[in-house]
């Protein structure tokens, strides 16, 4: 599994690396923004990934948060609940940033998340978990272990949008399900701090 994740992140590029086929992806993005009555490029972007339901929502800031489009998640392993250790096949849950873009990924294109973030590292340390995992990506292709596989067409648009807006203006929220439609319910055997995390995620 680790080799696959490293392949997704091989040769990570700088924060504004241009993607292959970027012109076509940009044209599709411009059409989406125009259909939604939104300016392109936007000031800020928030990506909301919902593990149950297998979708990634794109919200953009234009005088308030406006919904742009939903992309299907083609593959994401694991169950509801956070990632705790290397090899548990879980997709993380929490607030993340995109740390780097990779135009040379074995999974077409990939965007590396900053997992583990400070919250993840704190609780791993408190619980004595020395290897909480790493190398988590949003990438192309239609299969994955611990990452979010968006298909090649989807990742082209997402990658192009993030590159255009800039990494510092993009936030990523990953939740087990849509808290707007289903109340918080902790999985069996959940760590004590998970309720706190889900409380933040549903705001």
N, C-alpha and C. Protein backbone atom coordinates (compact mmCIF):
# COMPACT_ATOMS: atom_id res chain seq x y z
N UNK A 1 0.83 -1.20 0.00
CA UNK A 1 0.00 0.00 0.00
C UNK A 1 0.86 1.25 0.00
N UNK A 2 1.92 1.25 0.83
CA UNK A 2 2.78 2.42 0.91
C UNK A 2 3.39 2.74 -0.44
N UNK A 3 3.80 1.71 -1.19
CA UNK A 3 4.39 1.95 -2.50
C UNK A 3 3.40 2.61 -3.43
N UNK A 4 2.12 2.22 -3.35
CA UNK A 4 1.10 2.82 -4.20
C UNK A 4 0.91 4.29 -3.85
N UNK A 5 0.89 4.59 -2.55
CA UNK A 5 0.71 5.97 -2.14
C UNK A 5 1.90 6.82 -2.54
N UNK A 6 3.11 6.27 -2.41
CA UNK A 6 4.28 7.00 -2.83
C UNK A 6 4.27 7.22 -4.33
N UNK A 7 3.75 6.26 -5.07
CA UNK A 7 3.66 6.43 -6.52
C UNK A 7 2.74 7.59 -6.85
N UNK A 8 1.65 7.72 -6.09
CA UNK A 8 0.74 8.84 -6.33
C UNK A 8 1.43 10.16 -6.10
N UNK A 9 2.37 10.20 -5.18
CA UNK A 9 3.02 11.45 -4.84
C UNK A 9 4.42 11.59 -5.40
N UNK A 10 4.83 10.74 -6.31
CA UNK A 10 6.16 10.79 -6.85
C UNK A 10 6.42 12.11 -7.55
N UNK A 11 7.61 12.68 -7.33
CA UNK A 11 8.02 13.91 -8.01
C UNK A 11 7.03 15.04 -7.76
N UNK A 12 6.75 15.33 -6.50
CA UNK A 12 5.81 16.39 -6.17
C UNK A 12 6.31 17.73 -6.72
N UNK A 13 5.38 18.48 -7.25
CA UNK A 13 5.71 19.75 -7.89
C UNK A 13 5.40 20.90 -6.95
N UNK A 14 5.75 22.10 -7.39
CA UNK A 14 5.49 23.29 -6.60
C UNK A 14 4.02 23.63 -6.55
N UNK A 15 3.66 24.68 -5.81
CA UNK A 15 2.25 24.97 -5.55
C UNK A 15 1.45 25.40 -6.77
N UNK A 16 2.11 25.83 -7.84
CA UNK A 16 1.37 26.30 -9.01
C UNK A 16 1.78 25.55 -10.28
N UNK A 17 2.13 24.27 -10.14
CA UNK A 17 2.56 23.49 -11.30
C UNK A 17 1.42 23.36 -12.30
N UNK A 18 1.64 23.67 -13.58
CA UNK A 18 0.56 23.55 -14.57
C UNK A 18 0.26 22.09 -14.87
N UNK A 19 -1.00 21.72 -14.94
CA UNK A 19 -1.35 20.33 -15.21
C UNK A 19 -1.32 20.00 -16.70
N UNK A 20 -1.08 18.74 -17.07
CA UNK A 20 -1.26 18.33 -18.45
C UNK A 20 -2.73 18.52 -18.85
N UNK A 21 -2.97 18.84 -20.11
CA UNK A 21 -4.33 19.06 -20.62
C UNK A 21 -5.05 20.16 -19.84
N UNK A 22 -4.28 21.10 -19.28
CA UNK A 22 -4.89 22.13 -18.47
C UNK A 22 -5.84 23.03 -19.23
N UNK A 23 -5.57 23.26 -20.51
CA UNK A 23 -6.42 24.15 -21.29
C UNK A 23 -7.83 23.59 -21.42
N UNK A 24 -7.94 22.29 -21.68
CA UNK A 24 -9.26 21.68 -21.82
C UNK A 24 -10.00 21.68 -20.48
N UNK A 25 -9.29 21.36 -19.41
CA UNK A 25 -9.91 21.37 -18.09
C UNK A 25 -10.36 22.77 -17.72
N UNK A 26 -9.56 23.76 -18.09
CA UNK A 26 -9.92 25.15 -17.77
C UNK A 26 -11.17 25.58 -18.53
N UNK A 27 -11.30 25.15 -19.76
CA UNK A 27 -12.50 25.47 -20.52
C UNK A 27 -13.74 24.86 -19.88
N UNK A 28 -13.62 23.63 -19.40
CA UNK A 28 -14.76 22.99 -18.73
C UNK A 28 -15.10 23.73 -17.44
N UNK A 29 -14.07 24.14 -16.70
CA UNK A 29 -14.30 24.89 -15.47
C UNK A 29 -14.99 26.22 -15.76
N UNK A 30 -14.51 26.93 -16.76
CA UNK A 30 -15.12 28.21 -17.09
C UNK A 30 -16.60 28.05 -17.44
N UNK A 31 -16.93 26.95 -18.13
CA UNK A 31 -18.33 26.69 -18.47
C UNK A 31 -19.14 26.40 -17.21
N UNK A 32 -18.58 25.66 -16.27
CA UNK A 32 -19.29 25.37 -15.02
C UNK A 32 -19.55 26.66 -14.24
N UNK A 33 -18.54 27.51 -14.15
CA UNK A 33 -18.70 28.76 -13.41
C UNK A 33 -19.73 29.65 -14.08
N UNK A 34 -19.67 29.73 -15.39
CA UNK A 34 -20.62 30.57 -16.11
C UNK A 34 -22.05 30.07 -15.92
N UNK A 35 -22.25 28.75 -15.96
CA UNK A 35 -23.59 28.18 -15.78
C UNK A 35 -24.13 28.46 -14.39
N UNK A 36 -23.22 28.54 -13.40
CA UNK A 36 -23.63 28.80 -12.02
C UNK A 36 -23.70 30.29 -11.72
N UNK A 37 -23.34 31.13 -12.69
CA UNK A 37 -23.36 32.57 -12.47
C UNK A 37 -22.26 33.05 -11.54
N UNK A 38 -21.11 32.38 -11.58
CA UNK A 38 -19.99 32.69 -10.68
C UNK A 38 -18.78 33.15 -11.47
N UNK A 39 -17.96 33.98 -10.84
CA UNK A 39 -16.75 34.48 -11.47
C UNK A 39 -15.65 33.43 -11.41
N UNK A 40 -14.87 33.38 -12.48
CA UNK A 40 -13.72 32.47 -12.53
C UNK A 40 -12.47 33.27 -12.84
N UNK A 41 -11.37 33.01 -12.10
CA UNK A 41 -11.26 32.09 -10.96
C UNK A 41 -11.83 32.72 -9.69
N UNK A 42 -12.23 31.90 -8.73
CA UNK A 42 -12.79 32.42 -7.49
C UNK A 42 -11.70 32.87 -6.53
N UNK A 43 -12.12 33.58 -5.47
CA UNK A 43 -11.18 34.03 -4.45
C UNK A 43 -10.69 32.86 -3.61
N UNK A 44 -11.61 32.00 -3.22
CA UNK A 44 -11.28 30.87 -2.34
C UNK A 44 -12.11 29.66 -2.75
N UNK A 45 -11.64 28.49 -2.35
CA UNK A 45 -12.32 27.24 -2.68
C UNK A 45 -12.35 26.35 -1.45
N UNK A 46 -13.48 25.69 -1.23
CA UNK A 46 -13.57 24.66 -0.20
C UNK A 46 -14.05 23.36 -0.86
N UNK A 47 -13.29 22.29 -0.64
CA UNK A 47 -13.65 20.97 -1.12
C UNK A 47 -14.20 20.18 0.06
N UNK A 48 -15.40 19.62 -0.08
CA UNK A 48 -16.02 18.84 0.99
C UNK A 48 -16.18 17.41 0.47
N UNK A 49 -15.41 16.49 1.03
CA UNK A 49 -15.47 15.09 0.63
C UNK A 49 -16.29 14.31 1.65
N UNK A 50 -17.30 13.59 1.17
CA UNK A 50 -18.18 12.80 2.02
C UNK A 50 -17.95 11.33 1.72
N UNK A 51 -17.44 10.62 2.72
CA UNK A 51 -17.04 9.23 2.51
C UNK A 51 -18.25 8.34 2.19
N UNK A 52 -19.32 8.48 2.96
CA UNK A 52 -20.55 7.78 2.62
C UNK A 52 -21.31 8.66 1.63
N UNK A 53 -21.63 8.11 0.51
CA UNK A 53 -22.22 8.89 -0.57
C UNK A 53 -21.23 9.10 -1.69
N UNK A 54 -19.93 8.93 -1.37
CA UNK A 54 -18.89 8.96 -2.39
C UNK A 54 -19.00 10.19 -3.30
N UNK A 55 -18.92 11.37 -2.71
CA UNK A 55 -18.93 12.56 -3.54
C UNK A 55 -18.01 13.62 -2.93
N UNK A 56 -17.56 14.51 -3.79
CA UNK A 56 -16.74 15.64 -3.38
C UNK A 56 -17.41 16.91 -3.90
N UNK A 57 -17.84 17.76 -2.97
CA UNK A 57 -18.52 19.01 -3.33
C UNK A 57 -17.49 20.12 -3.47
N UNK A 58 -17.70 20.97 -4.44
CA UNK A 58 -16.85 22.15 -4.63
C UNK A 58 -17.67 23.39 -4.31
N UNK A 59 -17.20 24.16 -3.34
CA UNK A 59 -17.82 25.43 -2.95
C UNK A 59 -16.81 26.54 -3.19
N UNK A 60 -17.29 27.67 -3.70
CA UNK A 60 -16.41 28.79 -3.97
C UNK A 60 -16.93 30.04 -3.28
N UNK A 61 -16.01 30.92 -2.93
CA UNK A 61 -16.37 32.14 -2.22
C UNK A 61 -16.63 33.27 -3.20
N UNK A 62 -17.85 33.80 -3.18
CA UNK A 62 -18.19 34.99 -3.95
C UNK A 62 -19.25 35.75 -3.16
N UNK A 63 -18.76 36.54 -2.19
CA UNK A 63 -19.66 37.24 -1.28
C UNK A 63 -20.35 36.31 -0.31
N UNK A 64 -19.87 35.11 -0.20
CA UNK A 64 -20.45 34.03 0.60
C UNK A 64 -20.13 32.72 -0.11
N UNK A 65 -20.32 31.62 0.58
CA UNK A 65 -20.01 30.33 -0.03
C UNK A 65 -21.12 29.92 -0.98
N UNK A 66 -20.72 29.61 -2.22
CA UNK A 66 -21.66 29.21 -3.27
C UNK A 66 -21.27 27.84 -3.80
N UNK A 67 -22.27 26.99 -3.97
CA UNK A 67 -22.01 25.64 -4.48
C UNK A 67 -21.77 25.67 -5.97
N UNK A 68 -20.71 25.01 -6.41
CA UNK A 68 -20.38 24.97 -7.83
C UNK A 68 -20.76 23.64 -8.47
N UNK A 69 -20.25 22.52 -7.90
CA UNK A 69 -20.41 21.24 -8.59
C UNK A 69 -20.07 20.12 -7.62
N UNK A 70 -20.66 18.94 -7.86
CA UNK A 70 -20.32 17.72 -7.13
C UNK A 70 -19.61 16.75 -8.07
N UNK A 71 -18.49 16.21 -7.62
CA UNK A 71 -17.76 15.19 -8.37
C UNK A 71 -17.93 13.84 -7.68
N UNK A 72 -18.14 12.76 -8.43
CA UNK A 72 -18.20 11.45 -7.79
C UNK A 72 -16.81 11.01 -7.34
N UNK A 73 -16.75 10.36 -6.20
CA UNK A 73 -15.52 9.72 -5.75
C UNK A 73 -15.57 8.28 -6.25
N UNK A 74 -14.68 7.92 -7.13
CA UNK A 74 -14.71 6.61 -7.76
C UNK A 74 -14.27 5.50 -6.80
N UNK A 75 -13.39 5.83 -5.87
CA UNK A 75 -12.92 4.82 -4.92
C UNK A 75 -12.37 5.51 -3.68
N UNK A 76 -12.68 4.93 -2.53
CA UNK A 76 -12.14 5.38 -1.25
C UNK A 76 -12.32 4.22 -0.28
N UNK A 77 -11.24 3.67 0.20
CA UNK A 77 -11.33 2.47 1.05
C UNK A 77 -11.68 2.84 2.49
N UNK A 78 -12.00 1.80 3.27
CA UNK A 78 -12.25 1.99 4.69
C UNK A 78 -13.71 2.24 5.02
N UNK A 79 -13.95 2.60 6.27
CA UNK A 79 -15.28 2.79 6.82
C UNK A 79 -15.37 4.18 7.46
N UNK A 80 -16.56 4.60 7.91
CA UNK A 80 -16.64 5.84 8.68
C UNK A 80 -15.72 5.77 9.89
N UNK A 81 -15.08 6.88 10.18
CA UNK A 81 -14.12 6.92 11.27
C UNK A 81 -12.78 7.43 10.77
N UNK A 82 -11.96 7.97 11.66
CA UNK A 82 -10.71 8.61 11.26
C UNK A 82 -9.62 7.61 10.90
N UNK A 83 -8.60 8.10 10.24
CA UNK A 83 -7.40 7.29 10.02
C UNK A 83 -6.56 7.37 11.30
N UNK A 84 -6.10 6.22 11.76
CA UNK A 84 -5.35 6.18 13.02
C UNK A 84 -3.91 5.72 12.85
N UNK A 85 -3.65 4.86 11.86
CA UNK A 85 -2.29 4.31 11.73
C UNK A 85 -2.00 3.92 10.29
N UNK A 86 -0.73 3.84 9.98
CA UNK A 86 -0.29 3.40 8.67
C UNK A 86 -0.83 2.01 8.37
N UNK A 87 -1.42 1.84 7.19
CA UNK A 87 -1.90 0.53 6.77
C UNK A 87 -3.31 0.20 7.18
N UNK A 88 -4.05 1.12 7.82
CA UNK A 88 -5.41 0.77 8.24
C UNK A 88 -6.44 0.97 7.13
N UNK A 89 -5.99 1.42 5.96
CA UNK A 89 -6.82 1.57 4.77
C UNK A 89 -7.91 2.62 4.92
N UNK A 90 -7.81 3.46 5.96
CA UNK A 90 -8.81 4.48 6.20
C UNK A 90 -8.47 5.78 5.48
N UNK A 91 -9.51 6.44 4.95
CA UNK A 91 -9.38 7.81 4.49
C UNK A 91 -9.47 8.71 5.72
N UNK A 92 -8.58 9.68 5.88
CA UNK A 92 -8.64 10.56 7.07
C UNK A 92 -9.95 11.33 7.13
N UNK A 93 -10.23 11.88 8.30
CA UNK A 93 -11.36 12.77 8.50
C UNK A 93 -10.87 14.00 9.23
N UNK A 94 -11.27 15.17 8.77
CA UNK A 94 -10.84 16.40 9.41
C UNK A 94 -10.72 17.53 8.41
N UNK A 95 -10.09 18.63 8.86
CA UNK A 95 -9.80 19.78 8.02
C UNK A 95 -8.37 19.69 7.52
N UNK A 96 -8.18 19.83 6.22
CA UNK A 96 -6.84 19.69 5.65
C UNK A 96 -6.57 20.78 4.63
N UNK A 97 -5.31 20.93 4.31
CA UNK A 97 -4.85 21.79 3.24
C UNK A 97 -4.19 20.92 2.18
N UNK A 98 -4.08 21.46 0.99
CA UNK A 98 -3.33 20.78 -0.06
C UNK A 98 -1.89 21.24 0.03
N UNK A 99 -1.00 20.28 0.28
CA UNK A 99 0.40 20.62 0.52
C UNK A 99 1.21 20.74 -0.75
N UNK A 100 0.83 20.00 -1.80
CA UNK A 100 1.60 20.01 -3.04
C UNK A 100 0.78 19.43 -4.17
N UNK A 101 1.14 19.81 -5.38
CA UNK A 101 0.51 19.29 -6.60
C UNK A 101 1.53 18.45 -7.35
N UNK A 102 1.07 17.35 -7.93
CA UNK A 102 1.96 16.47 -8.67
C UNK A 102 1.43 16.24 -10.08
N UNK A 103 2.03 16.87 -11.10
CA UNK A 103 1.57 16.66 -12.47
C UNK A 103 2.10 15.37 -13.08
N UNK A 104 2.97 14.66 -12.37
CA UNK A 104 3.60 13.45 -12.90
C UNK A 104 3.18 12.19 -12.14
N UNK A 105 2.02 12.23 -11.52
CA UNK A 105 1.56 11.10 -10.72
C UNK A 105 1.29 9.87 -11.57
N UNK A 106 1.52 8.70 -10.99
CA UNK A 106 1.13 7.44 -11.63
C UNK A 106 -0.39 7.30 -11.68
N UNK A 107 -1.10 8.17 -10.95
CA UNK A 107 -2.56 8.19 -10.94
C UNK A 107 -3.06 9.41 -11.71
N UNK A 108 -2.41 9.70 -12.82
CA UNK A 108 -2.72 10.78 -13.76
C UNK A 108 -2.30 12.14 -13.20
N UNK A 109 -2.96 12.63 -12.18
CA UNK A 109 -2.58 13.84 -11.46
C UNK A 109 -2.90 13.59 -9.99
N UNK A 110 -2.21 14.26 -9.08
CA UNK A 110 -2.56 14.10 -7.67
C UNK A 110 -2.28 15.37 -6.89
N UNK A 111 -3.03 15.52 -5.78
CA UNK A 111 -2.89 16.64 -4.87
C UNK A 111 -2.67 16.06 -3.47
N UNK A 112 -1.53 16.36 -2.88
CA UNK A 112 -1.16 15.79 -1.59
C UNK A 112 -1.78 16.59 -0.45
N UNK A 113 -2.46 15.90 0.47
CA UNK A 113 -3.02 16.56 1.64
C UNK A 113 -1.99 16.64 2.76
N UNK A 114 -2.19 17.56 3.69
CA UNK A 114 -1.25 17.74 4.79
C UNK A 114 -1.58 16.82 5.97
N UNK A 115 -2.07 15.62 5.67
CA UNK A 115 -2.27 14.62 6.71
C UNK A 115 -0.92 13.99 7.06
N UNK A 116 -0.61 13.80 8.35
CA UNK A 116 -1.39 14.20 9.53
C UNK A 116 -1.23 15.68 9.83
N UNK A 117 -2.37 16.32 10.12
CA UNK A 117 -2.32 17.73 10.50
C UNK A 117 -2.02 17.84 12.01
N UNK A 118 -1.92 19.03 12.57
CA UNK A 118 -1.58 19.15 14.00
C UNK A 118 -2.55 18.41 14.92
N UNK A 119 -3.84 18.41 14.60
CA UNK A 119 -4.81 17.69 15.42
C UNK A 119 -4.53 16.19 15.38
N UNK A 120 -4.26 15.65 14.19
CA UNK A 120 -3.95 14.23 14.05
C UNK A 120 -2.68 13.86 14.81
N UNK A 121 -1.65 14.69 14.68
CA UNK A 121 -0.37 14.39 15.34
C UNK A 121 -0.51 14.46 16.86
N UNK A 122 -1.27 15.44 17.36
CA UNK A 122 -1.45 15.57 18.81
C UNK A 122 -2.06 14.31 19.39
N UNK A 123 -3.15 13.83 18.80
CA UNK A 123 -3.83 12.68 19.37
C UNK A 123 -3.05 11.38 19.13
N UNK A 124 -2.30 11.32 18.06
CA UNK A 124 -1.43 10.16 17.87
C UNK A 124 -0.37 10.11 18.97
N UNK A 125 0.20 11.27 19.30
CA UNK A 125 1.21 11.33 20.36
C UNK A 125 0.61 10.97 21.71
N UNK A 126 -0.56 11.52 22.02
CA UNK A 126 -1.20 11.25 23.31
C UNK A 126 -1.56 9.77 23.47
N UNK A 127 -1.86 9.11 22.36
CA UNK A 127 -2.26 7.71 22.40
C UNK A 127 -1.10 6.76 22.10
N UNK A 128 0.09 7.29 21.91
CA UNK A 128 1.25 6.45 21.67
C UNK A 128 1.28 5.80 20.29
N UNK A 129 0.60 6.41 19.32
CA UNK A 129 0.62 5.87 17.95
C UNK A 129 1.79 6.51 17.20
N UNK A 130 2.84 5.74 16.96
CA UNK A 130 4.04 6.29 16.36
C UNK A 130 3.94 6.45 14.85
N UNK A 131 3.06 5.70 14.19
CA UNK A 131 2.95 5.78 12.73
C UNK A 131 1.49 6.01 12.34
N UNK A 132 1.04 7.26 12.42
CA UNK A 132 -0.36 7.55 12.09
C UNK A 132 -0.66 7.51 10.60
N UNK A 133 0.37 7.32 9.78
CA UNK A 133 0.18 7.28 8.34
C UNK A 133 0.60 8.58 7.68
N UNK A 134 0.67 8.56 6.37
CA UNK A 134 1.08 9.74 5.61
C UNK A 134 0.76 9.48 4.14
N UNK A 135 1.18 10.39 3.28
CA UNK A 135 1.01 10.25 1.83
C UNK A 135 -0.45 9.97 1.45
N UNK A 136 -1.31 10.91 1.80
CA UNK A 136 -2.73 10.84 1.45
C UNK A 136 -2.99 11.85 0.34
N UNK A 137 -3.65 11.39 -0.72
CA UNK A 137 -3.82 12.21 -1.92
C UNK A 137 -5.27 12.22 -2.39
N UNK A 138 -5.62 13.27 -3.10
CA UNK A 138 -6.77 13.30 -4.00
C UNK A 138 -6.16 13.12 -5.38
N UNK A 139 -6.55 12.06 -6.09
CA UNK A 139 -5.86 11.77 -7.34
C UNK A 139 -6.82 11.23 -8.40
N UNK A 140 -6.28 10.99 -9.58
CA UNK A 140 -7.05 10.44 -10.67
C UNK A 140 -7.20 8.94 -10.54
N UNK A 141 -7.56 8.29 -11.65
CA UNK A 141 -7.79 6.86 -11.68
C UNK A 141 -9.08 6.52 -10.96
N UNK A 142 -9.40 5.24 -10.89
CA UNK A 142 -10.68 4.81 -10.32
C UNK A 142 -10.50 3.79 -9.22
N UNK A 143 -9.33 3.73 -8.60
CA UNK A 143 -9.13 2.83 -7.46
C UNK A 143 -8.11 3.47 -6.53
N UNK A 144 -8.18 3.09 -5.27
CA UNK A 144 -7.31 3.71 -4.28
C UNK A 144 -7.33 2.93 -2.98
N UNK A 145 -6.32 3.16 -2.15
CA UNK A 145 -6.28 2.62 -0.79
C UNK A 145 -5.91 3.76 0.14
N UNK A 146 -6.89 4.30 0.85
CA UNK A 146 -6.64 5.37 1.80
C UNK A 146 -6.67 6.77 1.21
N UNK A 147 -6.83 6.87 -0.11
CA UNK A 147 -6.90 8.17 -0.78
C UNK A 147 -8.28 8.34 -1.41
N UNK A 148 -8.48 9.46 -2.09
CA UNK A 148 -9.73 9.72 -2.81
C UNK A 148 -9.44 9.69 -4.30
N UNK A 149 -9.97 8.70 -5.01
CA UNK A 149 -9.78 8.56 -6.45
C UNK A 149 -10.94 9.22 -7.17
N UNK A 150 -10.65 10.23 -7.99
CA UNK A 150 -11.67 11.06 -8.60
C UNK A 150 -11.88 10.80 -10.08
N UNK A 151 -11.19 9.80 -10.65
CA UNK A 151 -11.23 9.63 -12.09
C UNK A 151 -10.37 10.69 -12.76
N UNK A 152 -9.92 10.43 -13.97
CA UNK A 152 -8.99 11.34 -14.62
C UNK A 152 -9.62 12.68 -15.00
N UNK A 153 -10.84 12.65 -15.50
CA UNK A 153 -11.49 13.90 -15.90
C UNK A 153 -11.75 14.78 -14.68
N UNK A 154 -12.21 14.16 -13.60
CA UNK A 154 -12.48 14.92 -12.39
C UNK A 154 -11.23 15.55 -11.81
N UNK A 155 -10.14 14.77 -11.72
CA UNK A 155 -8.93 15.32 -11.12
C UNK A 155 -8.33 16.42 -12.00
N UNK A 156 -8.51 16.33 -13.31
CA UNK A 156 -8.02 17.40 -14.17
C UNK A 156 -8.67 18.74 -13.81
N UNK A 157 -9.97 18.73 -13.58
CA UNK A 157 -10.66 19.97 -13.24
C UNK A 157 -10.28 20.45 -11.84
N UNK A 158 -10.25 19.53 -10.88
CA UNK A 158 -9.92 19.91 -9.51
C UNK A 158 -8.49 20.43 -9.42
N UNK A 159 -7.57 19.74 -10.04
CA UNK A 159 -6.16 20.14 -10.04
C UNK A 159 -6.00 21.53 -10.67
N UNK A 160 -6.65 21.74 -11.82
CA UNK A 160 -6.55 23.02 -12.51
C UNK A 160 -7.13 24.14 -11.66
N UNK A 161 -8.27 23.88 -11.00
CA UNK A 161 -8.89 24.88 -10.15
C UNK A 161 -7.98 25.24 -8.98
N UNK A 162 -7.41 24.24 -8.32
CA UNK A 162 -6.53 24.50 -7.17
C UNK A 162 -5.28 25.24 -7.62
N UNK A 163 -4.70 24.84 -8.75
CA UNK A 163 -3.51 25.52 -9.25
C UNK A 163 -3.80 26.97 -9.59
N UNK A 164 -4.97 27.23 -10.13
CA UNK A 164 -5.35 28.59 -10.52
C UNK A 164 -5.59 29.46 -9.28
N UNK A 165 -6.27 28.91 -8.27
CA UNK A 165 -6.61 29.69 -7.08
C UNK A 165 -5.40 29.86 -6.16
N UNK A 166 -4.58 28.80 -6.05
CA UNK A 166 -3.44 28.83 -5.14
C UNK A 166 -3.70 28.00 -3.90
N UNK A 167 -2.70 27.27 -3.46
CA UNK A 167 -2.87 26.32 -2.36
C UNK A 167 -3.36 26.98 -1.07
N UNK A 168 -2.91 28.18 -0.81
CA UNK A 168 -3.26 28.84 0.45
C UNK A 168 -4.73 29.24 0.51
N UNK A 169 -5.40 29.24 -0.62
CA UNK A 169 -6.79 29.66 -0.65
C UNK A 169 -7.75 28.48 -0.84
N UNK A 170 -7.24 27.29 -0.59
CA UNK A 170 -8.06 26.08 -0.74
C UNK A 170 -8.10 25.32 0.58
N UNK A 171 -9.29 24.96 1.02
CA UNK A 171 -9.49 24.16 2.22
C UNK A 171 -10.16 22.84 1.82
N UNK A 172 -9.83 21.80 2.56
CA UNK A 172 -10.41 20.47 2.30
C UNK A 172 -11.03 19.96 3.60
N UNK A 173 -12.29 19.61 3.55
CA UNK A 173 -12.98 19.00 4.68
C UNK A 173 -13.37 17.59 4.28
N UNK A 174 -12.98 16.60 5.09
CA UNK A 174 -13.36 15.21 4.83
C UNK A 174 -14.19 14.72 6.01
N UNK A 175 -15.41 14.29 5.74
CA UNK A 175 -16.35 13.85 6.78
C UNK A 175 -16.85 12.46 6.47
N UNK A 176 -17.29 11.71 7.49
CA UNK A 176 -17.78 10.35 7.24
C UNK A 176 -19.07 10.34 6.44
N UNK A 177 -19.93 11.34 6.67
CA UNK A 177 -21.19 11.48 5.93
C UNK A 177 -21.61 12.94 6.00
N UNK A 178 -22.74 13.27 5.41
CA UNK A 178 -23.21 14.65 5.35
C UNK A 178 -23.91 15.01 6.65
N UNK A 179 -23.23 15.77 7.52
CA UNK A 179 -23.80 16.15 8.81
C UNK A 179 -24.97 17.13 8.66
N UNK A 180 -25.14 17.71 7.48
CA UNK A 180 -26.28 18.60 7.25
C UNK A 180 -27.58 17.81 7.14
N UNK A 181 -27.47 16.51 6.84
CA UNK A 181 -28.65 15.68 6.62
C UNK A 181 -28.75 14.52 7.60
N UNK A 182 -27.71 14.24 8.31
CA UNK A 182 -27.69 13.10 9.23
C UNK A 182 -26.94 13.51 10.49
N UNK A 183 -27.49 13.31 11.66
CA UNK A 183 -26.83 13.77 12.88
C UNK A 183 -25.55 13.00 13.18
N UNK A 184 -24.75 13.58 14.05
CA UNK A 184 -23.51 12.94 14.46
C UNK A 184 -23.80 11.64 15.19
N UNK A 185 -23.11 10.60 14.80
CA UNK A 185 -23.20 9.31 15.49
C UNK A 185 -21.81 8.68 15.46
N UNK A 186 -21.24 8.44 16.63
CA UNK A 186 -19.88 7.93 16.68
C UNK A 186 -19.87 6.44 16.36
N UNK A 187 -18.91 6.00 15.52
CA UNK A 187 -18.78 4.57 15.24
C UNK A 187 -18.43 3.80 16.51
N UNK A 188 -18.76 2.52 16.53
CA UNK A 188 -18.42 1.68 17.69
C UNK A 188 -16.92 1.68 17.90
N UNK A 189 -16.52 1.81 19.16
CA UNK A 189 -15.10 1.78 19.49
C UNK A 189 -14.35 3.05 19.10
N UNK A 190 -15.06 4.13 18.83
CA UNK A 190 -14.42 5.38 18.39
C UNK A 190 -13.57 5.96 19.52
N UNK A 191 -12.45 6.62 19.18
CA UNK A 191 -11.65 7.28 20.22
C UNK A 191 -12.43 8.40 20.88
N UNK A 192 -12.05 8.74 22.10
CA UNK A 192 -12.80 9.71 22.89
C UNK A 192 -12.86 11.09 22.23
N UNK A 193 -11.83 11.45 21.47
CA UNK A 193 -11.77 12.78 20.87
C UNK A 193 -12.57 12.91 19.58
N UNK A 194 -13.15 11.82 19.07
CA UNK A 194 -13.82 11.88 17.79
C UNK A 194 -15.07 12.76 17.84
N UNK A 195 -15.77 12.77 18.97
CA UNK A 195 -16.94 13.63 19.10
C UNK A 195 -16.57 15.10 18.95
N UNK A 196 -15.43 15.49 19.51
CA UNK A 196 -14.95 16.87 19.36
C UNK A 196 -14.69 17.18 17.89
N UNK A 197 -14.02 16.25 17.18
CA UNK A 197 -13.72 16.47 15.78
C UNK A 197 -15.00 16.61 14.96
N UNK A 198 -15.95 15.70 15.18
CA UNK A 198 -17.20 15.77 14.40
C UNK A 198 -17.98 17.03 14.71
N UNK A 199 -17.85 17.53 15.95
CA UNK A 199 -18.49 18.79 16.28
C UNK A 199 -17.96 19.94 15.45
N UNK A 200 -16.64 19.95 15.21
CA UNK A 200 -16.06 20.97 14.35
C UNK A 200 -16.46 20.78 12.88
N UNK A 201 -16.50 19.54 12.44
CA UNK A 201 -16.79 19.27 11.03
C UNK A 201 -18.23 19.66 10.64
N UNK A 202 -19.15 19.62 11.60
CA UNK A 202 -20.54 19.92 11.24
C UNK A 202 -20.88 21.39 11.30
N UNK A 203 -19.93 22.23 11.67
CA UNK A 203 -20.22 23.66 11.76
C UNK A 203 -20.26 24.30 10.37
